[in-house]
Protein backbone atom coordinates (compact mmCIF):
# COMPACT_ATOMS: atom_id res chain seq x y z
CA MET A 1 -71.52 50.50 151.56
CA LEU A 2 -75.38 49.19 152.75
CA ALA A 3 -76.68 51.59 149.72
CA LYS A 4 -74.20 49.83 147.38
CA LYS A 5 -75.45 46.21 148.51
CA LYS A 6 -79.09 47.57 147.87
CA LEU A 7 -78.15 48.85 144.62
CA ALA A 8 -76.33 45.62 143.39
CA VAL A 9 -79.41 43.50 144.51
CA MET A 10 -82.03 45.78 142.84
CA VAL A 11 -79.92 45.54 139.58
CA LEU A 12 -79.65 42.15 139.71
CA SER A 13 -83.52 41.74 140.23
CA VAL A 14 -84.35 43.66 137.45
CA SER A 15 -81.93 41.87 134.88
CA THR A 16 -83.54 38.68 136.11
CA LEU A 17 -86.93 40.13 135.60
CA SER A 18 -85.65 41.01 132.00
CA PHE A 19 -83.92 38.03 131.38
CA ASN A 20 -87.50 36.18 132.14
CA SER A 21 -89.65 38.37 129.99
CA PHE A 22 -87.18 37.77 127.15
CA ALA A 23 -87.50 33.95 127.92
CA GLY A 24 -91.16 34.15 127.63
CA GLU A 25 -90.90 35.92 124.18
CA ALA A 26 -88.38 33.10 123.14
CA GLU A 27 -90.59 30.47 124.41
CA GLU A 28 -94.01 31.80 122.79
CA ALA A 29 -91.68 31.94 119.35
CA PHE A 30 -90.52 28.52 120.15
CA THR A 31 -93.81 27.14 120.66
CA LYS A 32 -95.08 28.86 117.76
CA GLU A 33 -92.47 27.03 115.26
CA LEU A 34 -93.43 23.67 117.02
CA ALA A 35 -97.40 24.11 116.46
CA GLU A 36 -96.24 25.27 112.92
CA CYS A 37 -94.43 21.57 112.69
CA ALA A 38 -97.10 19.54 114.61
CA ALA A 39 -99.79 20.87 112.04
CA TYR A 40 -97.48 20.24 109.17
CA TYR A 41 -96.55 16.93 110.27
CA GLN A 42 -100.65 15.89 110.75
CA ILE A 43 -101.33 17.59 107.16
CA ALA A 44 -98.39 15.23 105.35
CA SER A 45 -99.23 12.22 107.38
CA ASP A 46 -102.95 12.29 106.61
CA ALA A 47 -102.68 13.06 103.01
CA ILE A 48 -100.31 10.18 102.79
CA SER A 49 -102.34 7.50 104.78
CA ALA A 50 -105.16 8.98 102.23
CA MET A 51 -102.87 7.48 99.39
CA ASN A 52 -103.83 3.91 100.40
CA ALA A 53 -100.19 2.93 99.40
CA PRO A 54 -99.25 0.15 101.61
CA GLN A 55 -94.96 1.35 100.86
CA MET A 56 -95.95 4.72 101.97
CA GLN A 57 -97.32 3.96 105.53
CA ALA A 58 -94.14 3.90 107.44
CA VAL A 59 -93.58 7.24 106.18
CA GLY A 60 -97.12 8.38 107.23
CA GLU A 61 -96.43 6.97 110.89
CA ARG A 62 -93.02 8.65 111.12
CA LEU A 63 -94.82 12.27 110.25
CA LYS A 64 -97.57 11.51 112.75
CA GLN A 65 -94.77 10.59 115.31
CA SER A 66 -92.57 13.72 114.65
CA GLY A 67 -95.99 15.65 114.88
CA GLN A 68 -96.66 13.83 118.58
CA GLN A 69 -93.14 15.08 119.33
CA ALA A 70 -93.68 18.58 118.19
CA VAL A 71 -96.42 18.69 120.58
CA GLU A 72 -94.67 17.15 123.50
CA ILE A 73 -91.66 19.68 123.14
CA ALA A 74 -94.26 22.63 122.96
CA SER A 75 -96.11 21.25 126.06
CA LYS A 76 -93.18 21.59 128.22
CA TYR A 77 -93.56 25.35 127.57
CA GLN A 78 -97.20 26.32 127.70
CA THR A 79 -99.93 24.31 128.59
CA GLU A 80 -101.76 21.67 126.70
CA ALA A 81 -104.90 23.67 125.75
CA GLN A 82 -102.41 26.53 124.33
CA VAL A 83 -100.26 24.14 122.56
CA SER A 84 -103.55 22.64 121.22
CA ALA A 85 -104.96 26.02 120.08
CA ALA A 86 -101.63 27.07 118.52
CA VAL A 87 -101.73 23.88 116.38
CA SER A 88 -105.35 24.06 115.28
CA GLN A 89 -104.81 27.85 114.35
CA ALA A 90 -101.71 26.60 112.29
CA LEU A 91 -103.65 23.64 110.82
CA GLU A 92 -106.04 26.54 109.40
CA GLN A 93 -103.29 28.94 108.23
CA HIS A 94 -101.46 25.64 106.49
CA LYS A 95 -104.61 24.37 104.90
CA ALA A 96 -105.59 28.06 103.60
CA SER A 97 -102.11 28.30 102.00
CA MET A 98 -102.74 25.27 100.10
CA PRO A 99 -103.72 24.91 96.54
CA ASN A 100 -105.69 21.68 97.22
CA SER A 101 -105.38 19.24 100.11
CA ASN A 102 -102.95 16.62 98.08
CA ALA A 103 -100.66 19.95 97.37
CA LEU A 104 -97.86 19.35 99.71
CA GLY A 105 -94.99 20.77 97.99
CA PRO A 106 -95.11 24.08 99.49
CA LEU A 107 -95.54 23.35 102.70
CA MET A 108 -92.72 20.68 102.16
CA GLY A 109 -90.31 23.07 100.94
CA LYS A 110 -91.17 25.45 103.99
CA TYR A 111 -91.18 22.70 106.68
CA LYS A 112 -89.60 19.45 105.91
CA GLU A 113 -86.00 20.43 106.78
CA LYS A 114 -86.66 23.11 109.32
CA CYS A 115 -89.08 20.95 111.36
CA LYS A 116 -86.61 17.98 111.28
CA THR A 117 -84.09 20.34 113.10
CA ILE A 118 -86.18 22.00 115.25
CA ILE A 119 -87.51 18.38 116.57
CA ALA A 120 -83.57 17.08 116.55
CA GLN A 121 -82.51 19.67 118.19
CA PRO A 122 -84.78 21.72 120.31
CA GLU A 123 -82.61 23.59 123.01
CA LYS A 124 -80.57 24.76 120.33
CA ARG A 125 -83.95 26.21 118.68
CA LEU A 126 -84.95 27.65 122.21
CA ASP A 127 -80.99 29.23 122.50
CA TYR A 128 -81.71 30.90 118.90
CA TRP A 129 -84.99 32.34 119.94
CA THR A 130 -83.77 33.87 123.49
CA MET A 131 -81.10 35.16 121.89
CA ALA A 132 -83.25 37.13 119.02
CA THR A 133 -85.59 38.49 121.26
CA MET A 134 -83.08 40.02 123.66
């Protein structure tokens, strides 16, 4: 009977360790997406601010706030330094993919709706990554 209890405890421990490694992978994938969103929002906000169009300033401010929100969510799962490095890397990648600094179309097509959904329902997206990395 004691051997069965030890075996049950061992199986439970291994299961928990396995789940934690999946959670780590899920959190990494999730925070990578959040960094990509933060970078997208920063680029879009900067481009709109540079337009010098007063009617667009509110849009630029909302984009900036969404970028800050993405960073705040990511900071729940990784250190501030890790998040900052991931956002910097995503900024470089996004800028490299743009034909010029005003060509937001391709980034908007890829990130606008996706990032809006991630920011609105972060728990749901983390659940997705938890299942996807199992």
